[in-house]
Amino acid sequence: MSIRLLSESEIDKMRVAGKLAASVLDMIGSHVKAGVSTEDLDRICHEYIVDDLSCIPAPLNYRNGNSPPFPKSICTSVNHVVCHGIPSERKVLKRGDILNIDITVIKDGFHGDTSKMFTVGEPSVLAKRLIAITQECLYLGIRQVRPGARLGDIGHAIQTHAERARFSVVREFCGHGINDKFHDEPMVLHYGTPGQGVELQEGMAFTIEPMINAGRRHIKLLTDEWTVVTRDHRLSAQWEHTILVMDNGYEILTLREEETFH
């Protein structure tokens, strides 16, 4: 397996792309409310990405293997949708819903990839706890990143925290290397054994994006060949950042202004 190490000029472009992707999540938050469709959110994000940021929305027409092209510019995963939810006029948000919005932009050929959980009105106690634990899983995974660490260290930190909370980790999807390719090596599992897996090196860039279920970890792919849901229809949550391995640890390339994590 050959894992790309980024040059300084490539890192600069990744920083720009990451910051722009984060700005989309900052922008869209005020539009997430009851009565708004996920199609509305897609349109707003598309116009902002293309017109305001002069970027390309990476998901639009993206193909994964034999699947049909993804038809929208963002992913909107509501309640029991684990990932890759397709925005639709028919999916209108209602009070109590939880929603993951997944943004990937391309700027000067390089990708910034990030996602965030949103709530519509007041969610259930379980939903709030799931969202909080999943974000903590992301942060615990990020804290493992430094040269000489192993990918298994990241996965173990995430898995341990999720399962201690009596939640489960989706295993069929993982983080991934990212650069001028949307998806590259290495694959970053959200479960694992400390000290196992690929050794991290300065200059690697990849996403960490744990998908945590309130119930069992098992999932199902819908007939649109994109949307993934929990088999038991229990809630699912996800948070994602693009991470760069630095000589002294890590840099979060998609850190939002609202975040206090360091």
C-alpha atoms as a PDB file:
ATOM      1  CA  MET A   1       0.000   0.000   0.000  1.00  0.00           C
ATOM      2  CA  SER A   2       1.418   3.364  -1.062  1.00  0.00           C
ATOM      3  CA  ILE A   3       0.255   6.288   1.071  1.00  0.00           C
ATOM      4  CA  ARG A   4       0.840   9.751  -0.256  1.00  0.00           C
ATOM      5  CA  LEU A   5       2.752  12.305   1.805  1.00  0.00           C
ATOM      6  CA  LEU A   6       1.829  15.851   0.899  1.00  0.00           C
ATOM      7  CA  SER A   7       4.311  18.548  -0.051  1.00  0.00           C
ATOM      8  CA  GLU A   8       4.185  21.998   1.554  1.00  0.00           C
ATOM      9  CA  SER A   9       2.408  23.484  -1.454  1.00  0.00           C
ATOM     10  CA  GLU A  10      -0.158  20.662  -1.420  1.00  0.00           C
ATOM     11  CA  ILE A  11      -0.688  21.157   2.315  1.00  0.00           C
ATOM     12  CA  ASP A  12      -1.375  24.846   1.717  1.00  0.00           C
ATOM     13  CA  LYS A  13      -4.059  23.923  -0.819  1.00  0.00           C
ATOM     14  CA  MET A  14      -5.572  21.381   1.580  1.00  0.00           C
ATOM     15  CA  ARG A  15      -5.735  24.066   4.283  1.00  0.00           C
ATOM     16  CA  VAL A  16      -7.664  26.350   1.963  1.00  0.00           C
ATOM     17  CA  ALA A  17     -10.060  23.600   0.871  1.00  0.00           C
ATOM     18  CA  GLY A  18     -10.618  22.510   4.479  1.00  0.00           C
ATOM     19  CA  LYS A  19     -11.378  26.014   5.675  1.00  0.00           C
ATOM     20  CA  LEU A  20     -13.858  26.553   2.844  1.00  0.00           C
ATOM     21  CA  ALA A  21     -15.636  23.257   3.554  1.00  0.00           C
ATOM     22  CA  ALA A  22     -15.963  24.242   7.218  1.00  0.00           C
ATOM     23  CA  SER A  23     -17.462  27.583   6.198  1.00  0.00           C
ATOM     24  CA  VAL A  24     -20.318  25.798   4.431  1.00  0.00           C
ATOM     25  CA  LEU A  25     -21.331  24.105   7.697  1.00  0.00           C
ATOM     26  CA  ASP A  26     -21.093  27.454   9.494  1.00  0.00           C
ATOM     27  CA  MET A  27     -23.335  29.022   6.846  1.00  0.00           C
ATOM     28  CA  ILE A  28     -26.049  26.373   6.633  1.00  0.00           C
ATOM     29  CA  GLY A  29     -26.861  26.088  10.336  1.00  0.00           C
ATOM     30  CA  SER A  30     -29.387  28.939  10.395  1.00  0.00           C
ATOM     31  CA  HIS A  31     -31.350  27.246   7.584  1.00  0.00           C
ATOM     32  CA  VAL A  32     -31.833  23.947   9.455  1.00  0.00           C
ATOM     33  CA  LYS A  33     -35.345  24.236  10.887  1.00  0.00           C
ATOM     34  CA  ALA A  34     -38.744  22.610  10.800  1.00  0.00           C
ATOM     35  CA  GLY A  35     -40.521  22.900   7.457  1.00  0.00           C
ATOM     36  CA  VAL A  36     -37.334  23.073   5.392  1.00  0.00           C
ATOM     37  CA  SER A  37     -36.653  20.210   2.989  1.00  0.00           C
ATOM     38  CA  THR A  38     -33.268  18.600   2.558  1.00  0.00           C
ATOM     39  CA  GLU A  39     -33.561  19.635  -1.107  1.00  0.00           C
ATOM     40  CA  ASP A  40     -33.700  23.269   0.107  1.00  0.00           C
ATOM     41  CA  LEU A  41     -30.515  22.709   2.111  1.00  0.00           C
ATOM     42  CA  ASP A  42     -28.792  21.188  -0.909  1.00  0.00           C
ATOM     43  CA  ARG A  43     -29.735  24.144  -3.114  1.00  0.00           C
ATOM     44  CA  ILE A  44     -28.510  26.686  -0.569  1.00  0.00           C
ATOM     45  CA  CYS A  45     -25.215  24.838  -0.080  1.00  0.00           C
ATOM     46  CA  HIS A  46     -24.714  24.337  -3.823  1.00  0.00           C
ATOM     47  CA  GLU A  47     -25.160  28.024  -4.563  1.00  0.00           C
ATOM     48  CA  TYR A  48     -22.847  29.006  -1.714  1.00  0.00           C
ATOM     49  CA  ILE A  49     -20.144  26.509  -2.729  1.00  0.00           C
ATOM     50  CA  VAL A  50     -20.236  27.448  -6.413  1.00  0.00           C
ATOM     51  CA  ASP A  51     -21.102  31.154  -6.371  1.00  0.00           C
ATOM     52  CA  ASP A  52     -19.602  32.421  -3.112  1.00  0.00           C
ATOM     53  CA  LEU A  53     -16.627  30.094  -2.648  1.00  0.00           C
ATOM     54  CA  SER A  54     -15.835  29.385  -6.329  1.00  0.00           C
ATOM     55  CA  CYS A  55     -15.492  25.695  -5.440  1.00  0.00           C
ATOM     56  CA  ILE A  56     -16.784  22.441  -6.885  1.00  0.00           C
ATOM     57  CA  PRO A  57     -19.151  20.295  -4.763  1.00  0.00           C
ATOM     58  CA  ALA A  58     -17.333  16.953  -4.865  1.00  0.00           C
ATOM     59  CA  PRO A  59     -20.369  14.668  -4.262  1.00  0.00           C
ATOM     60  CA  LEU A  60     -22.289  15.935  -7.308  1.00  0.00           C
ATOM     61  CA  ASN A  61     -22.187  13.185  -9.960  1.00  0.00           C
ATOM     62  CA  TYR A  62     -19.597  11.252  -7.932  1.00  0.00           C
ATOM     63  CA  ARG A  63     -19.496   7.531  -8.740  1.00  0.00           C
ATOM     64  CA  ASN A  64     -18.579   4.790  -6.305  1.00  0.00           C
ATOM     65  CA  GLY A  65     -17.946   1.503  -8.063  1.00  0.00           C
ATOM     66  CA  ASN A  66     -21.078   0.432  -9.935  1.00  0.00           C
ATOM     67  CA  SER A  67     -23.409   2.810  -8.117  1.00  0.00           C
ATOM     68  CA  PRO A  68     -25.252   5.506 -10.085  1.00  0.00           C
ATOM     69  CA  PRO A  69     -23.803   9.041  -9.966  1.00  0.00           C
ATOM     70  CA  PHE A  70     -24.668  10.805  -6.697  1.00  0.00           C
ATOM     71  CA  PRO A  71     -27.317  13.334  -7.767  1.00  0.00           C
ATOM     72  CA  LYS A  72     -26.797  16.138  -5.247  1.00  0.00           C
ATOM     73  CA  SER A  73     -24.072  18.448  -3.911  1.00  0.00           C
ATOM     74  CA  ILE A  74     -24.272  17.452  -0.241  1.00  0.00           C
ATOM     75  CA  CYS A  75     -25.333  14.434   1.816  1.00  0.00           C
ATOM     76  CA  THR A  76     -28.212  14.863   4.280  1.00  0.00           C
ATOM     77  CA  SER A  77     -28.695  11.946   6.667  1.00  0.00           C
ATOM     78  CA  VAL A  78     -31.747  12.266   8.916  1.00  0.00           C
ATOM     79  CA  ASN A  79     -32.459  10.245  12.081  1.00  0.00           C
ATOM     80  CA  HIS A  80     -31.829   6.546  11.268  1.00  0.00           C
ATOM     81  CA  VAL A  81     -29.946   7.309   8.037  1.00  0.00           C
ATOM     82  CA  VAL A  82     -26.310   6.431   8.720  1.00  0.00           C
ATOM     83  CA  CYS A  83     -24.698   8.150   5.719  1.00  0.00           C
ATOM     84  CA  HIS A  84     -25.066   9.229   2.078  1.00  0.00           C
ATOM     85  CA  GLY A  85     -28.646  10.447   2.434  1.00  0.00           C
ATOM     86  CA  ILE A  86     -29.811  12.050  -0.825  1.00  0.00           C
ATOM     87  CA  PRO A  87     -31.479  15.470  -0.448  1.00  0.00           C
ATOM     88  CA  SER A  88     -35.114  15.415  -1.513  1.00  0.00           C
ATOM     89  CA  GLU A  89     -38.124  17.733  -1.709  1.00  0.00           C
ATOM     90  CA  ARG A  90     -40.098  14.991   0.009  1.00  0.00           C
ATOM     91  CA  LYS A  91     -37.854  14.931   3.081  1.00  0.00           C
ATOM     92  CA  VAL A  92     -39.126  17.881   5.105  1.00  0.00           C
ATOM     93  CA  LEU A  93     -37.510  18.426   8.502  1.00  0.00           C
ATOM     94  CA  LYS A  94     -39.708  18.287  11.585  1.00  0.00           C
ATOM     95  CA  ARG A  95     -39.192  19.111  15.230  1.00  0.00           C
ATOM     96  CA  GLY A  96     -37.089  16.531  17.040  1.00  0.00           C
ATOM     97  CA  ASP A  97     -35.179  15.398  13.942  1.00  0.00           C
ATOM     98  CA  ILE A  98     -31.408  15.030  13.988  1.00  0.00           C
ATOM     99  CA  LEU A  99     -29.474  15.592  10.793  1.00  0.00           C
ATOM    100  CA  ASN A 100     -25.933  15.059   9.530  1.00  0.00           C
ATOM    101  CA  ILE A 101     -24.819  17.366   6.732  1.00  0.00           C
ATOM    102  CA  ASP A 102     -21.716  16.116   4.916  1.00  0.00           C
ATOM    103  CA  ILE A 103     -19.780  18.644   2.830  1.00  0.00           C
ATOM    104  CA  THR A 104     -16.880  18.065   0.454  1.00  0.00           C
ATOM    105  CA  VAL A 105     -15.543  20.888  -1.705  1.00  0.00           C
ATOM    106  CA  ILE A 106     -12.807  20.952  -4.322  1.00  0.00           C
ATOM    107  CA  LYS A 107     -10.624  24.056  -4.540  1.00  0.00           C
ATOM    108  CA  ASP A 108      -7.637  24.221  -6.880  1.00  0.00           C
ATOM    109  CA  GLY A 109      -7.911  20.457  -7.310  1.00  0.00           C
ATOM    110  CA  PHE A 110      -7.763  19.579  -3.584  1.00  0.00           C
ATOM    111  CA  HIS A 111     -10.535  18.363  -1.275  1.00  0.00           C
ATOM    112  CA  GLY A 112     -11.892  19.503   2.066  1.00  0.00           C
ATOM    113  CA  ASP A 113     -14.267  16.975   3.667  1.00  0.00           C
ATOM    114  CA  THR A 114     -16.258  17.489   6.864  1.00  0.00           C
ATOM    115  CA  SER A 115     -19.629  16.823   8.467  1.00  0.00           C
ATOM    116  CA  LYS A 116     -21.625  18.020  11.445  1.00  0.00           C
ATOM    117  CA  MET A 117     -24.749  17.017  13.344  1.00  0.00           C
ATOM    118  CA  PHE A 118     -27.664  19.444  13.534  1.00  0.00           C
ATOM    119  CA  THR A 119     -30.888  19.273  15.534  1.00  0.00           C
ATOM    120  CA  VAL A 120     -34.346  20.552  14.632  1.00  0.00           C
ATOM    121  CA  GLY A 121     -35.984  22.020  17.707  1.00  0.00           C
ATOM    122  CA  GLU A 122     -35.482  19.993  20.875  1.00  0.00           C
ATOM    123  CA  PRO A 123     -34.286  16.417  20.220  1.00  0.00           C
ATOM    124  CA  SER A 124     -34.819  13.502  22.583  1.00  0.00           C
ATOM    125  CA  VAL A 125     -32.483  12.865  25.495  1.00  0.00           C
ATOM    126  CA  LEU A 126     -31.162   9.807  23.657  1.00  0.00           C
ATOM    127  CA  ALA A 127     -30.522  11.815  20.477  1.00  0.00           C
ATOM    128  CA  LYS A 128     -28.608  14.512  22.373  1.00  0.00           C
ATOM    129  CA  ARG A 129     -26.513  11.900  24.142  1.00  0.00           C
ATOM    130  CA  LEU A 130     -25.784  10.038  20.895  1.00  0.00           C
ATOM    131  CA  ILE A 131     -24.717  13.248  19.163  1.00  0.00           C
ATOM    132  CA  ALA A 132     -22.455  14.236  22.063  1.00  0.00           C
ATOM    133  CA  ILE A 133     -20.820  10.818  22.421  1.00  0.00           C
ATOM    134  CA  THR A 134     -20.203  10.619  18.660  1.00  0.00           C
ATOM    135  CA  GLN A 135     -18.471  14.011  18.650  1.00  0.00           C
ATOM    136  CA  GLU A 136     -16.388  12.892  21.638  1.00  0.00           C
ATOM    137  CA  CYS A 137     -15.462   9.753  19.656  1.00  0.00           C
ATOM    138  CA  LEU A 138     -14.204  11.959  16.816  1.00  0.00           C
ATOM    139  CA  TYR A 139     -12.138  14.110  19.160  1.00  0.00           C
ATOM    140  CA  LEU A 140     -10.678  11.091  20.982  1.00  0.00           C
ATOM    141  CA  GLY A 141      -9.685   9.617  17.620  1.00  0.00           C
ATOM    142  CA  ILE A 142      -8.047  12.869  16.537  1.00  0.00           C
ATOM    143  CA  ARG A 143      -6.027  13.032  19.755  1.00  0.00           C
ATOM    144  CA  GLN A 144      -4.279   9.769  18.797  1.00  0.00           C
ATOM    145  CA  VAL A 145      -2.809  11.327  15.631  1.00  0.00           C
ATOM    146  CA  ARG A 146       0.948  11.892  15.610  1.00  0.00           C
ATOM    147  CA  PRO A 147       3.932  10.451  13.724  1.00  0.00           C
ATOM    148  CA  GLY A 148       4.631   6.907  14.913  1.00  0.00           C
ATOM    149  CA  ALA A 149       1.085   6.223  16.083  1.00  0.00           C
ATOM    150  CA  ARG A 150      -0.950   3.526  14.360  1.00  0.00           C
ATOM    151  CA  LEU A 151      -4.350   3.603  12.735  1.00  0.00           C
ATOM    152  CA  GLY A 152      -5.470   0.995  15.257  1.00  0.00           C
ATOM    153  CA  ASP A 153      -4.911   3.554  18.021  1.00  0.00           C
ATOM    154  CA  ILE A 154      -7.534   5.822  16.417  1.00  0.00           C
ATOM    155  CA  GLY A 155     -10.053   3.035  15.930  1.00  0.00           C
ATOM    156  CA  HIS A 156      -9.585   1.687  19.456  1.00  0.00           C
ATOM    157  CA  ALA A 157     -10.152   5.092  21.065  1.00  0.00           C
ATOM    158  CA  ILE A 158     -13.378   5.565  19.112  1.00  0.00           C
ATOM    159  CA  GLN A 159     -14.695   2.035  19.653  1.00  0.00           C
ATOM    160  CA  THR A 160     -13.947   2.022  23.375  1.00  0.00           C
ATOM    161  CA  HIS A 161     -15.742   5.302  24.017  1.00  0.00           C
ATOM    162  CA  ALA A 162     -18.792   4.390  21.926  1.00  0.00           C
ATOM    163  CA  GLU A 163     -19.228   0.932  23.412  1.00  0.00           C
ATOM    164  CA  ARG A 164     -18.694   2.204  26.954  1.00  0.00           C
ATOM    165  CA  ALA A 165     -21.735   4.402  26.298  1.00  0.00           C
ATOM    166  CA  ARG A 166     -23.617   1.277  25.076  1.00  0.00           C
ATOM    167  CA  PHE A 167     -23.653   2.488  21.489  1.00  0.00           C
ATOM    168  CA  SER A 168     -22.240   0.635  18.474  1.00  0.00           C
ATOM    169  CA  VAL A 169     -19.747   1.488  15.729  1.00  0.00           C
ATOM    170  CA  VAL A 170     -20.677   1.059  12.063  1.00  0.00           C
ATOM    171  CA  ARG A 171     -17.927  -1.067  10.509  1.00  0.00           C
ATOM    172  CA  GLU A 172     -18.764  -1.042   6.797  1.00  0.00           C
ATOM    173  CA  PHE A 173     -17.710   2.603   6.313  1.00  0.00           C
ATOM    174  CA  CYS A 174     -14.547   4.342   7.427  1.00  0.00           C
ATOM    175  CA  GLY A 175     -12.371   7.412   7.113  1.00  0.00           C
ATOM    176  CA  HIS A 176     -10.027   7.681   4.156  1.00  0.00           C
ATOM    177  CA  GLY A 177      -6.967   9.358   2.760  1.00  0.00           C
ATOM    178  CA  ILE A 178      -7.747  12.596   0.978  1.00  0.00           C
ATOM    179  CA  ASN A 179      -5.782  14.977  -1.228  1.00  0.00           C
ATOM    180  CA  ASP A 180      -6.442  15.720  -4.897  1.00  0.00           C
ATOM    181  CA  LYS A 181      -8.320  12.400  -4.763  1.00  0.00           C
ATOM    182  CA  PHE A 182     -11.639  12.329  -2.900  1.00  0.00           C
ATOM    183  CA  HIS A 183     -10.910   8.852  -1.504  1.00  0.00           C
ATOM    184  CA  ASP A 184      -7.377   7.498  -1.182  1.00  0.00           C
ATOM    185  CA  GLU A 185      -5.311   5.274   1.091  1.00  0.00           C
ATOM    186  CA  PRO A 186      -5.251   4.735   4.025  1.00  0.00           C
ATOM    187  CA  MET A 187      -8.629   3.440   5.124  1.00  0.00           C
ATOM    188  CA  VAL A 188      -9.230   4.705   8.680  1.00  0.00           C
ATOM    189  CA  LEU A 189     -11.339   2.200  10.605  1.00  0.00           C
ATOM    190  CA  HIS A 190     -13.343   3.417  13.595  1.00  0.00           C
ATOM    191  CA  TYR A 191     -12.634   0.266  15.586  1.00  0.00           C
ATOM    192  CA  GLY A 192      -9.407  -1.599  16.157  1.00  0.00           C
ATOM    193  CA  THR A 193      -6.502  -2.664  18.354  1.00  0.00           C
ATOM    194  CA  PRO A 194      -3.850  -0.294  19.756  1.00  0.00           C
ATOM    195  CA  GLY A 195      -0.466  -0.613  18.071  1.00  0.00           C
ATOM    196  CA  GLN A 196      -1.921  -2.280  14.984  1.00  0.00           C
ATOM    197  CA  GLY A 197      -2.342  -0.991  11.443  1.00  0.00           C
ATOM    198  CA  VAL A 198      -0.506   1.542   9.299  1.00  0.00           C
ATOM    199  CA  GLU A 199       2.033   3.770  11.035  1.00  0.00           C
ATOM    200  CA  LEU A 200       1.254   7.467  10.718  1.00  0.00           C
ATOM    201  CA  GLN A 201       3.799   9.742   9.072  1.00  0.00           C
ATOM    202  CA  GLU A 202       4.122  13.492   8.803  1.00  0.00           C
ATOM    203  CA  GLY A 203       2.394  14.724   5.654  1.00  0.00           C
ATOM    204  CA  MET A 204      -0.452  12.180   5.627  1.00  0.00           C
ATOM    205  CA  ALA A 205      -3.969  13.632   5.274  1.00  0.00           C
ATOM    206  CA  PHE A 206      -7.102  11.632   6.005  1.00  0.00           C
ATOM    207  CA  THR A 207     -10.601  11.890   7.404  1.00  0.00           C
ATOM    208  CA  ILE A 208     -11.865  10.560  10.702  1.00  0.00           C
ATOM    209  CA  GLU A 209     -15.665  10.216  10.524  1.00  0.00           C
ATOM    210  CA  PRO A 210     -17.170   7.815  13.073  1.00  0.00           C
ATOM    211  CA  MET A 211     -20.734   6.635  12.483  1.00  0.00           C
ATOM    212  CA  ILE A 212     -22.244   5.606  15.798  1.00  0.00           C
ATOM    213  CA  ASN A 213     -25.608   3.873  16.208  1.00  0.00           C
ATOM    214  CA  ALA A 214     -27.920   4.064  19.209  1.00  0.00           C
ATOM    215  CA  GLY A 215     -28.843   0.417  18.636  1.00  0.00           C
ATOM    216  CA  ARG A 216     -27.009  -2.377  16.863  1.00  0.00           C
ATOM    217  CA  ARG A 217     -24.239  -1.674  14.356  1.00  0.00           C
ATOM    218  CA  HIS A 218     -25.946  -3.470  11.446  1.00  0.00           C
ATOM    219  CA  ILE A 219     -26.924  -1.409   8.403  1.00  0.00           C
ATOM    220  CA  LYS A 220     -28.818  -1.722   5.125  1.00  0.00           C
ATOM    221  CA  LEU A 221     -28.290  -0.107   1.713  1.00  0.00           C
ATOM    222  CA  LEU A 222     -31.500   1.213   0.138  1.00  0.00           C
ATOM    223  CA  THR A 223     -32.508   0.647  -3.478  1.00  0.00           C
ATOM    224  CA  ASP A 224     -31.202   4.064  -4.573  1.00  0.00           C
ATOM    225  CA  GLU A 225     -27.761   2.412  -4.069  1.00  0.00           C
ATOM    226  CA  TRP A 226     -26.538   5.302  -1.876  1.00  0.00           C
ATOM    227  CA  THR A 227     -28.646   5.771   1.236  1.00  0.00           C
ATOM    228  CA  VAL A 228     -27.498   3.662   4.195  1.00  0.00           C
ATOM    229  CA  VAL A 229     -29.824   3.140   7.180  1.00  0.00           C
ATOM    230  CA  THR A 230     -29.717   1.274  10.469  1.00  0.00           C
ATOM    231  CA  ARG A 231     -31.355  -2.149  10.198  1.00  0.00           C
ATOM    232  CA  ASP A 232     -33.183  -1.672  13.503  1.00  0.00           C
ATOM    233  CA  HIS A 233     -34.285   1.890  12.587  1.00  0.00           C
ATOM    234  CA  ARG A 234     -32.578   3.267  15.704  1.00  0.00           C
ATOM    235  CA  LEU A 235     -30.860   6.650  15.468  1.00  0.00           C
ATOM    236  CA  SER A 236     -27.382   7.138  14.014  1.00  0.00           C
ATOM    237  CA  ALA A 237     -24.959  10.059  14.285  1.00  0.00           C
ATOM    238  CA  GLN A 238     -21.732  11.069  12.549  1.00  0.00           C
ATOM    239  CA  TRP A 239     -19.112  13.824  12.785  1.00  0.00           C
ATOM    240  CA  GLU A 240     -16.162  14.242  10.415  1.00  0.00           C
ATOM    241  CA  HIS A 241     -12.956  16.229  10.107  1.00  0.00           C
ATOM    242  CA  THR A 242     -10.041  16.201   7.669  1.00  0.00           C
ATOM    243  CA  ILE A 243      -6.788  15.724   9.590  1.00  0.00           C
ATOM    244  CA  LEU A 244      -3.158  16.399   8.655  1.00  0.00           C
ATOM    245  CA  VAL A 245      -0.338  14.551  10.440  1.00  0.00           C
ATOM    246  CA  MET A 246       2.183  17.162  11.607  1.00  0.00           C
ATOM    247  CA  ASP A 247       5.691  16.693  13.002  1.00  0.00           C
ATOM    248  CA  ASN A 248       4.371  17.443  16.507  1.00  0.00           C
ATOM    249  CA  GLY A 249       0.924  15.868  16.259  1.00  0.00           C
ATOM    250  CA  TYR A 250      -1.993  16.907  14.060  1.00  0.00           C
ATOM    251  CA  GLU A 251      -3.781  19.802  12.438  1.00  0.00           C
ATOM    252  CA  ILE A 252      -7.565  19.806  11.931  1.00  0.00           C
ATOM    253  CA  LEU A 253      -7.932  21.242   8.445  1.00  0.00           C
ATOM    254  CA  THR A 254     -11.716  21.593   8.702  1.00  0.00           C
ATOM    255  CA  LEU A 255     -11.965  23.103  12.192  1.00  0.00           C
ATOM    256  CA  ARG A 256     -14.970  25.424  12.477  1.00  0.00           C
ATOM    257  CA  GLU A 257     -14.983  28.790  14.215  1.00  0.00           C
ATOM    258  CA  GLU A 258     -17.492  27.533  16.797  1.00  0.00           C
ATOM    259  CA  GLU A 259     -15.225  24.701  17.965  1.00  0.00           C
ATOM    260  CA  THR A 260     -12.986  25.016  20.984  1.00  0.00           C
ATOM    261  CA  PHE A 261     -11.186  21.700  20.428  1.00  0.00           C
ATOM    262  CA  HIS A 262      -7.383  21.894  20.210  1.00  0.00           C
END
